[in-house]
Amino acid sequence: MRYLIDTCTLIWLATEPNKLSEMASKILQNAENDILVSTVSAWELALKKEDIIKTDNLENFVKQACLRHQLTLTSPSLSHVCTVKELPFHHKDPFDRLLIATCTVEKIPLITADKKIALYDIETIW
């Protein structure tokens, strides 16, 4: 099965896996699952300057996380970007909205602890 992870899930998976829920950990550790991480998460980290990742090289952080945890790096398509316009404003964060739109178009679940995202018509897992 395919899943998309949000930015916090990426950070916790790479730096503090004990913060992941039992369900999220189980899915992320199952080698049969295709776990996607969007370049949107790297963009969010770059703009918000997340000190939590404790690295000077964001690109290396993302690449290493993908290698270590068998994540597939993906980028938003035009369809994903255009779908953002159709989403209700339950959540105002543009990064999360683009991840939600990606899941909407691709019909895949989002692994996230963000409760606001559950207000959208996508499957969320935590």
N, C-alpha and C. Protein backbone atom coordinates (compact mmCIF):
# COMPACT_ATOMS: atom_id res chain seq x y z
N MET A 1 0.84 -1.19 0.00
CA MET A 1 0.00 0.00 0.00
C MET A 1 0.88 1.24 0.00
N ARG A 2 0.37 2.33 -0.55
CA ARG A 2 1.09 3.60 -0.59
C ARG A 2 0.56 4.54 0.48
N TYR A 3 1.48 5.29 1.09
CA TYR A 3 1.15 6.28 2.11
C TYR A 3 2.03 7.51 1.88
N LEU A 4 1.53 8.67 2.28
CA LEU A 4 2.32 9.89 2.29
C LEU A 4 2.52 10.27 3.76
N ILE A 5 3.73 10.72 4.09
CA ILE A 5 3.98 11.19 5.47
C ILE A 5 4.08 12.71 5.46
N ASP A 6 3.66 13.33 6.55
CA ASP A 6 3.78 14.78 6.65
C ASP A 6 5.15 15.14 7.22
N THR A 7 5.40 16.42 7.33
CA THR A 7 6.72 16.92 7.74
C THR A 7 7.09 16.48 9.16
N CYS A 8 6.15 16.57 10.09
CA CYS A 8 6.46 16.14 11.47
C CYS A 8 6.77 14.66 11.53
N THR A 9 6.04 13.87 10.77
CA THR A 9 6.31 12.43 10.74
C THR A 9 7.71 12.17 10.20
N LEU A 10 8.11 12.90 9.17
CA LEU A 10 9.46 12.77 8.61
C LEU A 10 10.51 13.10 9.68
N ILE A 11 10.32 14.20 10.37
CA ILE A 11 11.28 14.61 11.40
C ILE A 11 11.37 13.56 12.50
N TRP A 12 10.21 13.11 12.99
CA TRP A 12 10.21 12.14 14.08
C TRP A 12 10.79 10.80 13.63
N LEU A 13 10.47 10.37 12.43
CA LEU A 13 11.01 9.12 11.91
C LEU A 13 12.53 9.18 11.88
N ALA A 14 13.07 10.32 11.45
CA ALA A 14 14.52 10.47 11.28
C ALA A 14 15.26 10.80 12.57
N THR A 15 14.60 11.46 13.52
CA THR A 15 15.33 11.94 14.70
C THR A 15 14.81 11.43 16.04
N GLU A 16 13.50 11.20 16.14
CA GLU A 16 12.90 10.78 17.41
C GLU A 16 11.79 9.78 17.16
N PRO A 17 12.14 8.58 16.69
CA PRO A 17 11.10 7.60 16.32
C PRO A 17 10.17 7.20 17.47
N ASN A 18 10.60 7.43 18.70
CA ASN A 18 9.73 7.13 19.85
C ASN A 18 8.50 8.04 19.91
N LYS A 19 8.51 9.14 19.15
CA LYS A 19 7.36 10.05 19.11
C LYS A 19 6.27 9.56 18.15
N LEU A 20 6.60 8.58 17.32
CA LEU A 20 5.62 8.04 16.38
C LEU A 20 4.60 7.18 17.12
N SER A 21 3.39 7.18 16.63
CA SER A 21 2.37 6.31 17.22
C SER A 21 2.71 4.85 16.88
N GLU A 22 2.09 3.95 17.59
CA GLU A 22 2.30 2.53 17.33
C GLU A 22 1.87 2.17 15.91
N MET A 23 0.72 2.69 15.49
CA MET A 23 0.22 2.41 14.15
C MET A 23 1.14 2.98 13.07
N ALA A 24 1.58 4.22 13.26
CA ALA A 24 2.49 4.84 12.29
C ALA A 24 3.79 4.03 12.19
N SER A 25 4.34 3.65 13.32
CA SER A 25 5.58 2.86 13.33
C SER A 25 5.41 1.54 12.59
N LYS A 26 4.31 0.89 12.83
CA LYS A 26 4.04 -0.40 12.20
C LYS A 26 4.00 -0.26 10.67
N ILE A 27 3.30 0.76 10.19
CA ILE A 27 3.20 1.00 8.74
C ILE A 27 4.56 1.37 8.16
N LEU A 28 5.27 2.25 8.85
CA LEU A 28 6.57 2.72 8.35
C LEU A 28 7.62 1.62 8.33
N GLN A 29 7.50 0.65 9.21
CA GLN A 29 8.48 -0.44 9.28
C GLN A 29 8.15 -1.60 8.35
N ASN A 30 6.97 -1.61 7.76
CA ASN A 30 6.56 -2.69 6.87
C ASN A 30 7.17 -2.45 5.49
N ALA A 31 8.12 -3.28 5.10
CA ALA A 31 8.84 -3.12 3.83
C ALA A 31 7.94 -3.27 2.61
N GLU A 32 6.76 -3.83 2.80
CA GLU A 32 5.83 -3.99 1.67
C GLU A 32 5.11 -2.68 1.33
N ASN A 33 5.15 -1.72 2.23
CA ASN A 33 4.48 -0.44 2.00
C ASN A 33 5.40 0.51 1.23
N ASP A 34 4.80 1.32 0.38
CA ASP A 34 5.52 2.37 -0.33
C ASP A 34 5.24 3.67 0.40
N ILE A 35 6.25 4.16 1.12
CA ILE A 35 6.10 5.36 1.93
C ILE A 35 6.66 6.56 1.17
N LEU A 36 5.80 7.51 0.88
CA LEU A 36 6.20 8.69 0.12
C LEU A 36 6.48 9.85 1.06
N VAL A 37 7.48 10.63 0.72
CA VAL A 37 7.74 11.90 1.39
C VAL A 37 7.82 12.95 0.28
N SER A 38 7.10 14.02 0.45
CA SER A 38 7.01 15.04 -0.58
C SER A 38 8.12 16.08 -0.42
N THR A 39 8.56 16.61 -1.57
CA THR A 39 9.50 17.72 -1.53
C THR A 39 8.87 18.93 -0.83
N VAL A 40 7.56 18.91 -0.68
CA VAL A 40 6.86 19.95 0.07
C VAL A 40 7.38 19.99 1.51
N SER A 41 7.68 18.82 2.08
CA SER A 41 8.20 18.77 3.45
C SER A 41 9.58 19.41 3.52
N ALA A 42 10.42 19.17 2.52
CA ALA A 42 11.74 19.81 2.50
C ALA A 42 11.59 21.32 2.37
N TRP A 43 10.65 21.74 1.54
CA TRP A 43 10.38 23.18 1.36
C TRP A 43 9.92 23.79 2.68
N GLU A 44 9.03 23.10 3.38
CA GLU A 44 8.55 23.60 4.67
C GLU A 44 9.71 23.73 5.65
N LEU A 45 10.57 22.72 5.70
CA LEU A 45 11.72 22.78 6.60
C LEU A 45 12.66 23.92 6.23
N ALA A 46 12.85 24.13 4.94
CA ALA A 46 13.75 25.19 4.48
C ALA A 46 13.23 26.57 4.88
N LEU A 47 11.92 26.78 4.74
CA LEU A 47 11.35 28.09 5.04
C LEU A 47 11.17 28.34 6.53
N LYS A 48 10.83 27.29 7.24
CA LYS A 48 10.59 27.46 8.67
C LYS A 48 11.86 27.27 9.49
N LYS A 49 12.95 26.91 8.81
CA LYS A 49 14.26 26.72 9.45
C LYS A 49 14.15 25.88 10.71
N GLU A 50 13.60 24.72 10.54
CA GLU A 50 13.39 23.82 11.67
C GLU A 50 14.72 23.45 12.34
N ASP A 51 14.95 23.97 13.53
CA ASP A 51 16.16 23.65 14.28
C ASP A 51 16.15 22.20 14.76
N ILE A 52 14.98 21.62 14.76
CA ILE A 52 14.83 20.28 15.30
C ILE A 52 15.63 19.22 14.54
N ILE A 53 15.93 19.47 13.26
CA ILE A 53 16.66 18.46 12.49
C ILE A 53 18.16 18.54 12.72
N LYS A 54 18.62 19.61 13.34
CA LYS A 54 20.02 19.76 13.76
C LYS A 54 21.01 19.42 12.64
N THR A 55 20.85 20.08 11.52
CA THR A 55 21.78 19.89 10.41
C THR A 55 21.89 21.17 9.61
N ASP A 56 23.05 21.35 9.00
CA ASP A 56 23.24 22.51 8.14
C ASP A 56 22.91 22.18 6.70
N ASN A 57 22.71 20.89 6.41
CA ASN A 57 22.48 20.47 5.03
C ASN A 57 21.13 19.76 4.93
N LEU A 58 20.11 20.54 4.62
CA LEU A 58 18.75 20.02 4.53
C LEU A 58 18.63 18.95 3.45
N GLU A 59 19.24 19.19 2.30
CA GLU A 59 19.15 18.22 1.21
C GLU A 59 19.72 16.87 1.64
N ASN A 60 20.84 16.89 2.33
CA ASN A 60 21.45 15.65 2.82
C ASN A 60 20.54 14.98 3.86
N PHE A 61 19.94 15.78 4.74
CA PHE A 61 19.04 15.24 5.75
C PHE A 61 17.91 14.46 5.09
N VAL A 62 17.26 15.06 4.09
CA VAL A 62 16.13 14.42 3.41
C VAL A 62 16.60 13.18 2.66
N LYS A 63 17.70 13.29 1.92
CA LYS A 63 18.21 12.14 1.16
C LYS A 63 18.57 10.98 2.09
N GLN A 64 19.23 11.28 3.20
CA GLN A 64 19.62 10.24 4.15
C GLN A 64 18.40 9.60 4.80
N ALA A 65 17.41 10.40 5.13
CA ALA A 65 16.17 9.85 5.71
C ALA A 65 15.50 8.91 4.72
N CYS A 66 15.47 9.31 3.47
CA CYS A 66 14.87 8.46 2.43
C CYS A 66 15.63 7.14 2.29
N LEU A 67 16.94 7.20 2.29
CA LEU A 67 17.75 5.98 2.18
C LEU A 67 17.60 5.08 3.41
N ARG A 68 17.74 5.67 4.57
CA ARG A 68 17.71 4.92 5.82
C ARG A 68 16.36 4.26 6.08
N HIS A 69 15.28 4.95 5.68
CA HIS A 69 13.94 4.47 6.01
C HIS A 69 13.15 4.01 4.79
N GLN A 70 13.85 3.88 3.66
CA GLN A 70 13.24 3.38 2.42
C GLN A 70 12.02 4.20 2.01
N LEU A 71 12.17 5.51 2.03
CA LEU A 71 11.11 6.42 1.63
C LEU A 71 11.30 6.78 0.15
N THR A 72 10.19 7.03 -0.51
CA THR A 72 10.23 7.45 -1.91
C THR A 72 9.96 8.95 -1.96
N LEU A 73 10.92 9.68 -2.49
CA LEU A 73 10.76 11.13 -2.61
C LEU A 73 9.86 11.43 -3.81
N THR A 74 8.89 12.30 -3.60
CA THR A 74 7.94 12.65 -4.65
C THR A 74 7.74 14.16 -4.65
N SER A 75 7.27 14.67 -5.76
CA SER A 75 7.01 16.11 -5.88
C SER A 75 5.58 16.34 -6.30
N PRO A 76 5.02 17.49 -5.92
CA PRO A 76 3.64 17.77 -6.30
C PRO A 76 3.51 17.97 -7.82
N SER A 77 2.41 17.50 -8.35
CA SER A 77 2.10 17.69 -9.77
C SER A 77 1.21 18.92 -9.92
N LEU A 78 0.97 19.30 -11.14
CA LEU A 78 0.06 20.41 -11.41
C LEU A 78 -1.32 20.11 -10.86
N SER A 79 -1.76 18.87 -11.00
CA SER A 79 -3.06 18.47 -10.47
C SER A 79 -3.12 18.62 -8.96
N HIS A 80 -2.05 18.25 -8.27
CA HIS A 80 -2.00 18.41 -6.81
C HIS A 80 -2.12 19.88 -6.44
N VAL A 81 -1.35 20.71 -7.12
CA VAL A 81 -1.33 22.14 -6.81
C VAL A 81 -2.71 22.77 -7.07
N CYS A 82 -3.33 22.42 -8.18
CA CYS A 82 -4.64 22.99 -8.52
C CYS A 82 -5.74 22.51 -7.58
N THR A 83 -5.59 21.33 -7.01
CA THR A 83 -6.59 20.79 -6.09
C THR A 83 -6.62 21.58 -4.78
N VAL A 84 -5.53 22.22 -4.43
CA VAL A 84 -5.49 23.02 -3.20
C VAL A 84 -6.62 24.04 -3.20
N LYS A 85 -6.90 24.61 -4.35
CA LYS A 85 -7.95 25.64 -4.46
C LYS A 85 -9.33 25.10 -4.07
N GLU A 86 -9.55 23.82 -4.27
CA GLU A 86 -10.85 23.21 -4.00
C GLU A 86 -11.04 22.80 -2.54
N LEU A 87 -9.99 22.84 -1.77
CA LEU A 87 -10.07 22.39 -0.37
C LEU A 87 -10.74 23.43 0.51
N PRO A 88 -11.57 22.99 1.46
CA PRO A 88 -12.09 23.94 2.45
C PRO A 88 -10.94 24.43 3.34
N PHE A 89 -11.15 25.55 4.02
CA PHE A 89 -10.09 26.13 4.84
C PHE A 89 -10.13 25.66 6.29
N HIS A 90 -10.19 24.35 6.49
CA HIS A 90 -10.08 23.82 7.85
C HIS A 90 -8.66 24.05 8.37
N HIS A 91 -7.73 24.03 7.45
CA HIS A 91 -6.31 24.14 7.78
C HIS A 91 -5.72 25.22 6.89
N LYS A 92 -5.02 26.16 7.48
CA LYS A 92 -4.50 27.29 6.70
C LYS A 92 -3.05 27.12 6.29
N ASP A 93 -2.34 26.17 6.86
CA ASP A 93 -0.93 25.98 6.52
C ASP A 93 -0.81 25.53 5.06
N PRO A 94 -0.13 26.32 4.22
CA PRO A 94 -0.05 25.97 2.79
C PRO A 94 0.68 24.66 2.53
N PHE A 95 1.62 24.31 3.35
CA PHE A 95 2.36 23.06 3.16
C PHE A 95 1.44 21.86 3.42
N ASP A 96 0.71 21.93 4.53
CA ASP A 96 -0.23 20.85 4.85
C ASP A 96 -1.33 20.77 3.81
N ARG A 97 -1.79 21.91 3.33
CA ARG A 97 -2.85 21.91 2.32
C ARG A 97 -2.38 21.21 1.04
N LEU A 98 -1.12 21.41 0.67
CA LEU A 98 -0.61 20.75 -0.52
C LEU A 98 -0.45 19.24 -0.29
N LEU A 99 -0.07 18.84 0.91
CA LEU A 99 -0.01 17.41 1.22
C LEU A 99 -1.41 16.80 1.19
N ILE A 100 -2.38 17.51 1.71
CA ILE A 100 -3.78 17.05 1.69
C ILE A 100 -4.26 16.91 0.25
N ALA A 101 -3.95 17.90 -0.57
CA ALA A 101 -4.34 17.84 -1.98
C ALA A 101 -3.69 16.65 -2.68
N THR A 102 -2.44 16.39 -2.37
CA THR A 102 -1.73 15.24 -2.95
C THR A 102 -2.46 13.95 -2.60
N CYS A 103 -2.83 13.80 -1.35
CA CYS A 103 -3.54 12.60 -0.91
C CYS A 103 -4.93 12.52 -1.55
N THR A 104 -5.57 13.65 -1.74
CA THR A 104 -6.88 13.68 -2.37
C THR A 104 -6.79 13.17 -3.81
N VAL A 105 -5.84 13.69 -4.57
CA VAL A 105 -5.68 13.30 -5.97
C VAL A 105 -5.22 11.85 -6.09
N GLU A 106 -4.25 11.47 -5.28
CA GLU A 106 -3.66 10.12 -5.38
C GLU A 106 -4.50 9.06 -4.66
N LYS A 107 -5.46 9.51 -3.86
CA LYS A 107 -6.31 8.61 -3.08
C LYS A 107 -5.47 7.69 -2.18
N ILE A 108 -4.58 8.33 -1.43
CA ILE A 108 -3.73 7.61 -0.49
C ILE A 108 -3.86 8.24 0.89
N PRO A 109 -3.60 7.46 1.94
CA PRO A 109 -3.67 8.00 3.30
C PRO A 109 -2.46 8.88 3.63
N LEU A 110 -2.66 9.78 4.56
CA LEU A 110 -1.60 10.63 5.08
C LEU A 110 -1.30 10.20 6.50
N ILE A 111 -0.04 9.93 6.77
CA ILE A 111 0.39 9.61 8.13
C ILE A 111 0.75 10.92 8.81
N THR A 112 -0.06 11.30 9.80
CA THR A 112 0.08 12.60 10.45
C THR A 112 -0.54 12.57 11.85
N ALA A 113 0.05 13.35 12.75
CA ALA A 113 -0.53 13.52 14.08
C ALA A 113 -1.42 14.77 14.14
N ASP A 114 -1.47 15.52 13.04
CA ASP A 114 -2.22 16.77 12.99
C ASP A 114 -3.72 16.49 12.92
N LYS A 115 -4.42 16.80 13.99
CA LYS A 115 -5.86 16.51 14.08
C LYS A 115 -6.71 17.34 13.11
N LYS A 116 -6.24 18.53 12.74
CA LYS A 116 -7.00 19.36 11.80
C LYS A 116 -7.12 18.69 10.43
N ILE A 117 -6.13 17.92 10.07
CA ILE A 117 -6.14 17.27 8.75
C ILE A 117 -7.24 16.23 8.66
N ALA A 118 -7.62 15.66 9.78
CA ALA A 118 -8.70 14.67 9.79
C ALA A 118 -10.04 15.27 9.38
N LEU A 119 -10.15 16.60 9.35
CA LEU A 119 -11.38 17.26 8.92
C LEU A 119 -11.59 17.18 7.41
N TYR A 120 -10.56 16.77 6.69
CA TYR A 120 -10.63 16.67 5.23
C TYR A 120 -11.08 15.27 4.82
N ASP A 121 -11.49 15.18 3.57
CA ASP A 121 -12.00 13.93 3.03
C ASP A 121 -10.85 13.04 2.53
N ILE A 122 -9.90 12.79 3.42
CA ILE A 122 -8.81 11.85 3.13
C ILE A 122 -8.64 10.97 4.36
N GLU A 123 -8.04 9.82 4.15
CA GLU A 123 -7.75 8.96 5.28
C GLU A 123 -6.49 9.44 5.98
N THR A 124 -6.58 9.61 7.29
CA THR A 124 -5.40 9.95 8.07
C THR A 124 -5.11 8.81 9.04
N ILE A 125 -3.84 8.62 9.28
CA ILE A 125 -3.42 7.55 10.17
C ILE A 125 -2.46 8.14 11.19
N TRP A 126 -2.71 7.80 12.43
CA TRP A 126 -1.75 8.10 13.48
C TRP A 126 -1.89 7.04 14.53
